[in-house]
Amino acid sequence: MNPSTLIGMLAGISLLAVVLGFSAVDPLLFVDLPGLGIVLFGTLAATFISYPLREVLRIFGLLGTVLRNERLYARQDMEELVQISRLWMAGNLQAVEQALEKICNPFLKTGVQLVVDNTPEDDIVDLLQWRIARLRAKEHAEAQLFRVMASYAPAFGMLGTLVGLVNLMFLLGDGDMTAIGRQMAIALMTTFYGVLLANLVFKPVAVKLERRTEQRIELMNMVLQGITMMCHKRSPALMRETLTSFIAQYQDEIRDAGAARQRQETAGNP
């Protein structure tokens, strides 16, 4: 499981447990299955109306993607690209073909195959950029699905609250304050469920998917840069240094705080 997702789930559950355990008179009062049903089924119904069936059915698979600890293998792709570039520079086409069969990244494999087939560079770049744009659009739509659900959930929470308030009106004439207070609490529960699901489930999943897309596009851009350098027959050493900048993790791209601190200490102690 993805560590950050697991930490977030545990933190969310712990927060609810602490809040309900210490502030609620009876934590079981926050369990309202009809209210939860209004929010969940109402949100799903509105989502089915908004999207084609095949896209809505991907919800569970996307939730699995968020829970799964997915690796991108960026360094492995870089090493494979540098190795193939070295073989290509040496003119060993047979070794290049054998190396192509072992590549697991289809985007990288397509780019290298086009270079080997002597496809014009502009055509290669156009094709690979189109595939990047297609992936961005597809995964943006998947993330947007959860953002739409996050907007529906509070609305159906308010709908459940209105239903509860209508029931409350029938009790006002009796003057039973205990029953009135109980109905008011039940009426507010659906709003609680709607806000909770929107901000603790749907929106975080959307942000997680968007961040995943950014990482995947960054990797594809790295491969695209490597393919471009391969077309220009740049040296494998230069390619390695260039592609390393795509996967290197810097605290600050402009200023190195550690080096700046060291210079200050050197200047203060001549």
C-alpha atoms as a PDB file:
ATOM      1  CA  MET A   1       0.000   0.000   0.000  1.00  0.00           C
ATOM      2  CA  ASN A   2       1.088   3.566  -0.669  1.00  0.00           C
ATOM      3  CA  PRO A   3       2.676   4.818   2.607  1.00  0.00           C
ATOM      4  CA  SER A   4       1.295   8.353   2.390  1.00  0.00           C
ATOM      5  CA  THR A   5      -2.210   7.061   1.636  1.00  0.00           C
ATOM      6  CA  LEU A   6      -1.989   4.683   4.594  1.00  0.00           C
ATOM      7  CA  ILE A   7      -0.798   7.473   6.897  1.00  0.00           C
ATOM      8  CA  GLY A   8      -3.594   9.750   5.696  1.00  0.00           C
ATOM      9  CA  MET A   9      -6.236   7.070   6.252  1.00  0.00           C
ATOM     10  CA  LEU A  10      -4.977   6.299   9.745  1.00  0.00           C
ATOM     11  CA  ALA A  11      -4.743  10.006  10.591  1.00  0.00           C
ATOM     12  CA  GLY A  12      -8.279  10.631   9.364  1.00  0.00           C
ATOM     13  CA  ILE A  13      -9.710   7.706  11.300  1.00  0.00           C
ATOM     14  CA  SER A  14      -7.775   8.712  14.418  1.00  0.00           C
ATOM     15  CA  LEU A  15      -9.014  12.302  14.139  1.00  0.00           C
ATOM     16  CA  LEU A  16     -12.625  11.187  13.902  1.00  0.00           C
ATOM     17  CA  ALA A  17     -12.184   8.749  16.770  1.00  0.00           C
ATOM     18  CA  VAL A  18     -10.648  11.403  19.030  1.00  0.00           C
ATOM     19  CA  VAL A  19     -13.214  14.074  18.155  1.00  0.00           C
ATOM     20  CA  LEU A  20     -16.182  11.761  18.609  1.00  0.00           C
ATOM     21  CA  GLY A  21     -14.742  10.086  21.686  1.00  0.00           C
ATOM     22  CA  PHE A  22     -14.049  13.292  23.599  1.00  0.00           C
ATOM     23  CA  SER A  23     -16.662  15.717  22.333  1.00  0.00           C
ATOM     24  CA  ALA A  24     -19.729  13.596  21.599  1.00  0.00           C
ATOM     25  CA  VAL A  25     -22.196  12.689  24.338  1.00  0.00           C
ATOM     26  CA  ASP A  26     -22.824   9.408  22.554  1.00  0.00           C
ATOM     27  CA  PRO A  27     -20.587   8.538  19.553  1.00  0.00           C
ATOM     28  CA  LEU A  28     -23.280   6.210  18.228  1.00  0.00           C
ATOM     29  CA  LEU A  29     -25.434   9.257  17.518  1.00  0.00           C
ATOM     30  CA  PHE A  30     -23.096   9.957  14.589  1.00  0.00           C
ATOM     31  CA  VAL A  31     -24.092   6.660  12.974  1.00  0.00           C
ATOM     32  CA  ASP A  32     -27.022   7.360  10.678  1.00  0.00           C
ATOM     33  CA  LEU A  33     -27.281   4.794   7.902  1.00  0.00           C
ATOM     34  CA  PRO A  34     -30.217   6.454   6.074  1.00  0.00           C
ATOM     35  CA  GLY A  35     -28.315   9.761   6.004  1.00  0.00           C
ATOM     36  CA  LEU A  36     -25.165   8.047   4.745  1.00  0.00           C
ATOM     37  CA  GLY A  37     -27.223   6.266   2.118  1.00  0.00           C
ATOM     38  CA  ILE A  38     -28.681   9.548   0.865  1.00  0.00           C
ATOM     39  CA  VAL A  39     -25.200  11.004   0.394  1.00  0.00           C
ATOM     40  CA  LEU A  40     -23.567   7.939  -1.160  1.00  0.00           C
ATOM     41  CA  PHE A  41     -26.365   6.821  -3.466  1.00  0.00           C
ATOM     42  CA  GLY A  42     -27.269  10.391  -4.396  1.00  0.00           C
ATOM     43  CA  THR A  43     -23.648  11.134  -5.309  1.00  0.00           C
ATOM     44  CA  LEU A  44     -23.373   7.950  -7.341  1.00  0.00           C
ATOM     45  CA  ALA A  45     -26.680   8.624  -9.092  1.00  0.00           C
ATOM     46  CA  ALA A  46     -25.596  12.130 -10.100  1.00  0.00           C
ATOM     47  CA  THR A  47     -22.230  10.773 -11.252  1.00  0.00           C
ATOM     48  CA  PHE A  48     -23.888   8.138 -13.433  1.00  0.00           C
ATOM     49  CA  ILE A  49     -25.994  10.864 -15.009  1.00  0.00           C
ATOM     50  CA  SER A  50     -22.934  13.052 -15.619  1.00  0.00           C
ATOM     51  CA  TYR A  51     -20.524  10.462 -17.058  1.00  0.00           C
ATOM     52  CA  PRO A  52     -20.639   7.465 -19.406  1.00  0.00           C
ATOM     53  CA  LEU A  53     -20.978   4.086 -17.743  1.00  0.00           C
ATOM     54  CA  ARG A  54     -17.468   2.910 -18.649  1.00  0.00           C
ATOM     55  CA  GLU A  55     -15.909   5.943 -16.933  1.00  0.00           C
ATOM     56  CA  VAL A  56     -17.941   5.598 -13.737  1.00  0.00           C
ATOM     57  CA  LEU A  57     -17.049   1.925 -13.460  1.00  0.00           C
ATOM     58  CA  ARG A  58     -13.387   2.937 -13.308  1.00  0.00           C
ATOM     59  CA  ILE A  59     -13.914   4.480  -9.870  1.00  0.00           C
ATOM     60  CA  PHE A  60     -12.966   1.321  -8.002  1.00  0.00           C
ATOM     61  CA  GLY A  61      -9.905   0.728 -10.158  1.00  0.00           C
ATOM     62  CA  LEU A  62      -8.754   4.302  -9.574  1.00  0.00           C
ATOM     63  CA  LEU A  63      -9.210   3.881  -5.830  1.00  0.00           C
ATOM     64  CA  GLY A  64      -6.971   0.834  -6.078  1.00  0.00           C
ATOM     65  CA  THR A  65      -4.401   2.936  -7.936  1.00  0.00           C
ATOM     66  CA  VAL A  66      -4.361   5.466  -5.091  1.00  0.00           C
ATOM     67  CA  LEU A  67      -3.943   2.720  -2.496  1.00  0.00           C
ATOM     68  CA  ARG A  68      -1.235   0.907  -4.439  1.00  0.00           C
ATOM     69  CA  ASN A  69       2.411   1.893  -4.057  1.00  0.00           C
ATOM     70  CA  GLU A  70       3.159   2.447  -7.734  1.00  0.00           C
ATOM     71  CA  ARG A  71       6.752   2.783  -8.882  1.00  0.00           C
ATOM     72  CA  LEU A  72       7.789   4.606 -12.056  1.00  0.00           C
ATOM     73  CA  TYR A  73      11.263   3.052 -12.578  1.00  0.00           C
ATOM     74  CA  ALA A  74      12.622   6.344 -13.908  1.00  0.00           C
ATOM     75  CA  ARG A  75      16.268   5.478 -13.269  1.00  0.00           C
ATOM     76  CA  GLN A  76      15.865   2.089 -14.945  1.00  0.00           C
ATOM     77  CA  ASP A  77      14.362   3.746 -18.020  1.00  0.00           C
ATOM     78  CA  MET A  78      17.217   6.229 -18.083  1.00  0.00           C
ATOM     79  CA  GLU A  79      19.842   3.486 -17.914  1.00  0.00           C
ATOM     80  CA  GLU A  80      18.122   1.509 -20.670  1.00  0.00           C
ATOM     81  CA  LEU A  81      17.977   4.582 -22.880  1.00  0.00           C
ATOM     82  CA  VAL A  82      21.646   5.403 -22.297  1.00  0.00           C
ATOM     83  CA  GLN A  83      22.657   1.804 -22.997  1.00  0.00           C
ATOM     84  CA  ILE A  84      20.672   1.694 -26.239  1.00  0.00           C
ATOM     85  CA  SER A  85      22.102   5.065 -27.267  1.00  0.00           C
ATOM     86  CA  ARG A  86      25.604   3.700 -26.766  1.00  0.00           C
ATOM     87  CA  LEU A  87      24.798   0.705 -28.979  1.00  0.00           C
ATOM     88  CA  TRP A  88      23.199   2.985 -31.547  1.00  0.00           C
ATOM     89  CA  MET A  89      26.257   5.229 -31.651  1.00  0.00           C
ATOM     90  CA  ALA A  90      28.431   2.141 -32.211  1.00  0.00           C
ATOM     91  CA  GLY A  91      26.231   1.064 -35.130  1.00  0.00           C
ATOM     92  CA  ASN A  92      25.344  -2.273 -33.539  1.00  0.00           C
ATOM     93  CA  LEU A  93      21.770  -2.561 -34.816  1.00  0.00           C
ATOM     94  CA  GLN A  94      21.402  -6.213 -33.831  1.00  0.00           C
ATOM     95  CA  ALA A  95      22.231  -5.415 -30.198  1.00  0.00           C
ATOM     96  CA  VAL A  96      19.793  -2.496 -30.292  1.00  0.00           C
ATOM     97  CA  GLU A  97      17.015  -4.802 -31.507  1.00  0.00           C
ATOM     98  CA  GLN A  98      17.789  -7.292 -28.746  1.00  0.00           C
ATOM     99  CA  ALA A  99      17.778  -4.525 -26.124  1.00  0.00           C
ATOM    100  CA  LEU A 100      14.432  -3.275 -27.441  1.00  0.00           C
ATOM    101  CA  GLU A 101      12.816  -6.626 -26.693  1.00  0.00           C
ATOM    102  CA  LYS A 102      13.715  -6.274 -22.991  1.00  0.00           C
ATOM    103  CA  ILE A 103      12.256  -2.775 -22.548  1.00  0.00           C
ATOM    104  CA  CYS A 104       9.089  -2.721 -20.443  1.00  0.00           C
ATOM    105  CA  ASN A 105       8.201   0.949 -20.986  1.00  0.00           C
ATOM    106  CA  PRO A 106       6.045   1.074 -24.174  1.00  0.00           C
ATOM    107  CA  PHE A 107       6.575   4.826 -24.571  1.00  0.00           C
ATOM    108  CA  LEU A 108      10.352   4.386 -24.503  1.00  0.00           C
ATOM    109  CA  LYS A 109      10.169   1.352 -26.750  1.00  0.00           C
ATOM    110  CA  THR A 110       8.115   3.207 -29.359  1.00  0.00           C
ATOM    111  CA  GLY A 111      10.504   6.164 -29.417  1.00  0.00           C
ATOM    112  CA  VAL A 112      13.626   4.033 -29.803  1.00  0.00           C
ATOM    113  CA  GLN A 113      11.991   1.887 -32.493  1.00  0.00           C
ATOM    114  CA  LEU A 114      11.158   4.990 -34.510  1.00  0.00           C
ATOM    115  CA  VAL A 115      14.743   6.198 -34.237  1.00  0.00           C
ATOM    116  CA  VAL A 116      16.031   2.808 -35.373  1.00  0.00           C
ATOM    117  CA  ASP A 117      13.633   2.931 -38.338  1.00  0.00           C
ATOM    118  CA  ASN A 118      15.166   6.302 -39.351  1.00  0.00           C
ATOM    119  CA  THR A 119      11.910   8.181 -38.852  1.00  0.00           C
ATOM    120  CA  PRO A 120      12.334  11.984 -39.149  1.00  0.00           C
ATOM    121  CA  GLU A 121      12.889  13.636 -35.794  1.00  0.00           C
ATOM    122  CA  ASP A 122       9.937  16.014 -36.191  1.00  0.00           C
ATOM    123  CA  ASP A 123       7.585  13.087 -36.757  1.00  0.00           C
ATOM    124  CA  ILE A 124       8.943  11.260 -33.710  1.00  0.00           C
ATOM    125  CA  VAL A 125       8.566  14.322 -31.488  1.00  0.00           C
ATOM    126  CA  ASP A 126       5.046  15.011 -32.764  1.00  0.00           C
ATOM    127  CA  LEU A 127       3.946  11.441 -32.105  1.00  0.00           C
ATOM    128  CA  LEU A 128       5.447  11.259 -28.613  1.00  0.00           C
ATOM    129  CA  GLN A 129       4.089  14.680 -27.652  1.00  0.00           C
ATOM    130  CA  TRP A 130       0.655  13.579 -28.837  1.00  0.00           C
ATOM    131  CA  ARG A 131       0.864  10.512 -26.603  1.00  0.00           C
ATOM    132  CA  ILE A 132       1.861  12.718 -23.667  1.00  0.00           C
ATOM    133  CA  ALA A 133      -1.087  15.020 -24.333  1.00  0.00           C
ATOM    134  CA  ARG A 134      -3.439  12.052 -24.629  1.00  0.00           C
ATOM    135  CA  LEU A 135      -2.288  10.623 -21.293  1.00  0.00           C
ATOM    136  CA  ARG A 136      -2.628  14.043 -19.632  1.00  0.00           C
ATOM    137  CA  ALA A 137      -6.189  14.481 -20.945  1.00  0.00           C
ATOM    138  CA  LYS A 138      -7.238  10.950 -20.011  1.00  0.00           C
ATOM    139  CA  GLU A 139      -5.908  11.065 -16.462  1.00  0.00           C
ATOM    140  CA  HIS A 140      -7.128  14.633 -15.932  1.00  0.00           C
ATOM    141  CA  ALA A 141     -10.638  13.383 -16.735  1.00  0.00           C
ATOM    142  CA  GLU A 142     -10.205  10.585 -14.178  1.00  0.00           C
ATOM    143  CA  ALA A 143      -9.182  13.027 -11.460  1.00  0.00           C
ATOM    144  CA  GLN A 144     -11.976  15.391 -12.467  1.00  0.00           C
ATOM    145  CA  LEU A 145     -14.452  12.558 -11.864  1.00  0.00           C
ATOM    146  CA  PHE A 146     -13.605  12.581  -8.160  1.00  0.00           C
ATOM    147  CA  ARG A 147     -13.688  16.380  -8.024  1.00  0.00           C
ATOM    148  CA  VAL A 148     -17.221  16.271  -9.424  1.00  0.00           C
ATOM    149  CA  MET A 149     -18.184  13.694  -6.789  1.00  0.00           C
ATOM    150  CA  ALA A 150     -16.686  15.988  -4.148  1.00  0.00           C
ATOM    151  CA  SER A 151     -19.010  18.754  -5.327  1.00  0.00           C
ATOM    152  CA  TYR A 152     -22.069  16.470  -5.321  1.00  0.00           C
ATOM    153  CA  ALA A 153     -21.584  14.974  -1.841  1.00  0.00           C
ATOM    154  CA  PRO A 154     -22.191  18.178   0.207  1.00  0.00           C
ATOM    155  CA  ALA A 155     -25.200  19.006  -1.989  1.00  0.00           C
ATOM    156  CA  PHE A 156     -26.826  15.668  -1.206  1.00  0.00           C
ATOM    157  CA  GLY A 157     -25.868  16.186   2.423  1.00  0.00           C
ATOM    158  CA  MET A 158     -27.955  19.356   2.369  1.00  0.00           C
ATOM    159  CA  LEU A 159     -30.758  17.435   0.666  1.00  0.00           C
ATOM    160  CA  GLY A 160     -30.778  14.950   3.531  1.00  0.00           C
ATOM    161  CA  THR A 161     -30.809  17.833   5.993  1.00  0.00           C
ATOM    162  CA  LEU A 162     -33.858  19.321   4.263  1.00  0.00           C
ATOM    163  CA  VAL A 163     -35.631  15.968   4.464  1.00  0.00           C
ATOM    164  CA  GLY A 164     -34.868  15.814   8.176  1.00  0.00           C
ATOM    165  CA  LEU A 165     -36.103  19.367   8.698  1.00  0.00           C
ATOM    166  CA  VAL A 166     -39.395  18.508   7.008  1.00  0.00           C
ATOM    167  CA  ASN A 167     -39.818  15.640   9.460  1.00  0.00           C
ATOM    168  CA  LEU A 168     -38.912  18.037  12.242  1.00  0.00           C
ATOM    169  CA  MET A 169     -41.740  20.381  11.325  1.00  0.00           C
ATOM    170  CA  PHE A 170     -44.288  17.683  12.058  1.00  0.00           C
ATOM    171  CA  LEU A 171     -42.975  17.411  15.625  1.00  0.00           C
ATOM    172  CA  LEU A 172     -43.044  21.103  16.457  1.00  0.00           C
ATOM    173  CA  GLY A 173     -46.724  20.996  17.295  1.00  0.00           C
ATOM    174  CA  ASP A 174     -46.224  18.295  19.911  1.00  0.00           C
ATOM    175  CA  GLY A 175     -43.758  20.399  21.876  1.00  0.00           C
ATOM    176  CA  ASP A 176     -41.568  17.398  22.752  1.00  0.00           C
ATOM    177  CA  MET A 177     -38.158  19.055  22.923  1.00  0.00           C
ATOM    178  CA  THR A 178     -36.352  15.724  23.256  1.00  0.00           C
ATOM    179  CA  ALA A 179     -37.836  14.404  20.025  1.00  0.00           C
ATOM    180  CA  ILE A 180     -37.266  17.734  18.295  1.00  0.00           C
ATOM    181  CA  GLY A 181     -33.591  17.811  19.318  1.00  0.00           C
ATOM    182  CA  ARG A 182     -33.110  14.219  18.181  1.00  0.00           C
ATOM    183  CA  GLN A 183     -34.633  14.952  14.767  1.00  0.00           C
ATOM    184  CA  MET A 184     -32.495  18.068  14.400  1.00  0.00           C
ATOM    185  CA  ALA A 185     -29.344  16.040  15.093  1.00  0.00           C
ATOM    186  CA  ILE A 186     -30.359  13.409  12.552  1.00  0.00           C
ATOM    187  CA  ALA A 187     -31.115  16.114   9.993  1.00  0.00           C
ATOM    188  CA  LEU A 188     -27.624  17.586  10.364  1.00  0.00           C
ATOM    189  CA  MET A 189     -25.892  14.217  10.044  1.00  0.00           C
ATOM    190  CA  THR A 190     -26.261  14.050   6.272  1.00  0.00           C
ATOM    191  CA  THR A 191     -24.478  17.394   5.923  1.00  0.00           C
ATOM    192  CA  PHE A 192     -21.739  15.981   8.162  1.00  0.00           C
ATOM    193  CA  TYR A 193     -21.405  12.905   5.927  1.00  0.00           C
ATOM    194  CA  GLY A 194     -21.371  14.993   2.750  1.00  0.00           C
ATOM    195  CA  VAL A 195     -18.625  17.324   3.953  1.00  0.00           C
ATOM    196  CA  LEU A 196     -16.621  14.419   5.364  1.00  0.00           C
ATOM    197  CA  LEU A 197     -16.718  12.334   2.188  1.00  0.00           C
ATOM    198  CA  ALA A 198     -15.964  15.328  -0.027  1.00  0.00           C
ATOM    199  CA  ASN A 199     -12.920  16.524   1.926  1.00  0.00           C
ATOM    200  CA  LEU A 200     -11.525  13.284   3.322  1.00  0.00           C
ATOM    201  CA  VAL A 201     -12.138  10.919   0.395  1.00  0.00           C
ATOM    202  CA  PHE A 202     -13.074  12.433  -2.962  1.00  0.00           C
ATOM    203  CA  LYS A 203     -10.857  15.552  -3.064  1.00  0.00           C
ATOM    204  CA  PRO A 204      -7.740  13.799  -1.673  1.00  0.00           C
ATOM    205  CA  VAL A 205      -8.141  11.021  -4.242  1.00  0.00           C
ATOM    206  CA  ALA A 206      -8.411  13.616  -7.021  1.00  0.00           C
ATOM    207  CA  VAL A 207      -5.267  15.413  -5.829  1.00  0.00           C
ATOM    208  CA  LYS A 208      -3.410  12.092  -5.573  1.00  0.00           C
ATOM    209  CA  LEU A 209      -4.346  11.178  -9.128  1.00  0.00           C
ATOM    210  CA  GLU A 210      -3.290  14.606 -10.396  1.00  0.00           C
ATOM    211  CA  ARG A 211       0.085  14.283  -8.676  1.00  0.00           C
ATOM    212  CA  ARG A 212       0.500  10.806 -10.181  1.00  0.00           C
ATOM    213  CA  THR A 213      -0.174  12.248 -13.621  1.00  0.00           C
ATOM    214  CA  GLU A 214       2.457  14.951 -13.104  1.00  0.00           C
ATOM    215  CA  GLN A 215       5.060  12.344 -12.192  1.00  0.00           C
ATOM    216  CA  ARG A 216       4.201  10.163 -15.181  1.00  0.00           C
ATOM    217  CA  ILE A 217       4.353  13.121 -17.579  1.00  0.00           C
ATOM    218  CA  GLU A 218       7.702  14.135 -16.106  1.00  0.00           C
ATOM    219  CA  LEU A 219       9.026  10.645 -16.826  1.00  0.00           C
ATOM    220  CA  MET A 220       7.659  10.744 -20.375  1.00  0.00           C
ATOM    221  CA  ASN A 221       9.290  14.127 -20.962  1.00  0.00           C
ATOM    222  CA  MET A 222      12.566  12.656 -19.767  1.00  0.00           C
ATOM    223  CA  VAL A 223      12.229   9.856 -22.309  1.00  0.00           C
ATOM    224  CA  LEU A 224      11.290  12.360 -25.013  1.00  0.00           C
ATOM    225  CA  GLN A 225      14.425  14.379 -24.277  1.00  0.00           C
ATOM    226  CA  GLY A 226      16.529  11.233 -24.457  1.00  0.00           C
ATOM    227  CA  ILE A 227      14.986  10.207 -27.775  1.00  0.00           C
ATOM    228  CA  THR A 228      15.663  13.688 -29.158  1.00  0.00           C
ATOM    229  CA  MET A 229      19.311  13.476 -28.088  1.00  0.00           C
ATOM    230  CA  MET A 230      19.525  10.026 -29.629  1.00  0.00           C
ATOM    231  CA  CYS A 231      18.280  11.447 -32.936  1.00  0.00           C
ATOM    232  CA  HIS A 232      21.062  14.054 -32.794  1.00  0.00           C
ATOM    233  CA  LYS A 233      23.593  11.346 -31.871  1.00  0.00           C
ATOM    234  CA  ARG A 234      24.602  13.052 -28.646  1.00  0.00           C
ATOM    235  CA  SER A 235      27.112  11.197 -26.523  1.00  0.00           C
ATOM    236  CA  PRO A 236      25.696   8.724 -23.964  1.00  0.00           C
ATOM    237  CA  ALA A 237      27.596  10.517 -21.177  1.00  0.00           C
ATOM    238  CA  LEU A 238      25.919  13.822 -22.035  1.00  0.00           C
ATOM    239  CA  MET A 239      22.571  12.060 -22.269  1.00  0.00           C
ATOM    240  CA  ARG A 240      23.035  10.546 -18.817  1.00  0.00           C
ATOM    241  CA  GLU A 241      23.850  13.904 -17.250  1.00  0.00           C
ATOM    242  CA  THR A 242      20.915  15.584 -18.978  1.00  0.00           C
ATOM    243  CA  LEU A 243      18.377  12.911 -18.037  1.00  0.00           C
ATOM    244  CA  THR A 244      19.640  12.766 -14.468  1.00  0.00           C
ATOM    245  CA  SER A 245      18.376  16.323 -13.992  1.00  0.00           C
ATOM    246  CA  PHE A 246      14.837  15.043 -14.600  1.00  0.00           C
ATOM    247  CA  ILE A 247      14.930  12.591 -11.706  1.00  0.00           C
ATOM    248  CA  ALA A 248      17.309  14.361  -9.307  1.00  0.00           C
ATOM    249  CA  GLN A 249      15.654  15.680  -6.150  1.00  0.00           C
ATOM    250  CA  TYR A 250      16.835  19.156  -5.234  1.00  0.00           C
ATOM    251  CA  GLN A 251      15.712  21.087  -2.170  1.00  0.00           C
ATOM    252  CA  ASP A 252      16.043  24.350  -4.065  1.00  0.00           C
ATOM    253  CA  GLU A 253      16.762  24.694  -7.770  1.00  0.00           C
ATOM    254  CA  ILE A 254      18.145  28.242  -7.375  1.00  0.00           C
ATOM    255  CA  ARG A 255      20.000  28.242  -4.069  1.00  0.00           C
ATOM    256  CA  ASP A 256      21.722  25.476  -2.128  1.00  0.00           C
ATOM    257  CA  ALA A 257      21.147  26.304   1.534  1.00  0.00           C
ATOM    258  CA  GLY A 258      23.940  24.012   2.740  1.00  0.00           C
ATOM    259  CA  ALA A 259      26.523  25.514   0.408  1.00  0.00           C
ATOM    260  CA  ALA A 260      25.398  29.045   1.293  1.00  0.00           C
ATOM    261  CA  ARG A 261      25.756  28.311   4.994  1.00  0.00           C
ATOM    262  CA  GLN A 262      29.227  26.881   4.442  1.00  0.00           C
ATOM    263  CA  ARG A 263      30.314  30.020   2.545  1.00  0.00           C
ATOM    264  CA  GLN A 264      29.026  32.213   5.366  1.00  0.00           C
ATOM    265  CA  GLU A 265      30.978  30.208   7.925  1.00  0.00           C
ATOM    266  CA  THR A 266      34.098  30.443   5.791  1.00  0.00           C
ATOM    267  CA  ALA A 267      33.698  34.199   5.402  1.00  0.00           C
ATOM    268  CA  GLY A 268      33.207  34.625   9.159  1.00  0.00           C
ATOM    269  CA  ASN A 269      36.301  32.610  10.033  1.00  0.00           C
ATOM    270  CA  PRO A 270      39.154  33.798   7.754  1.00  0.00           C
END
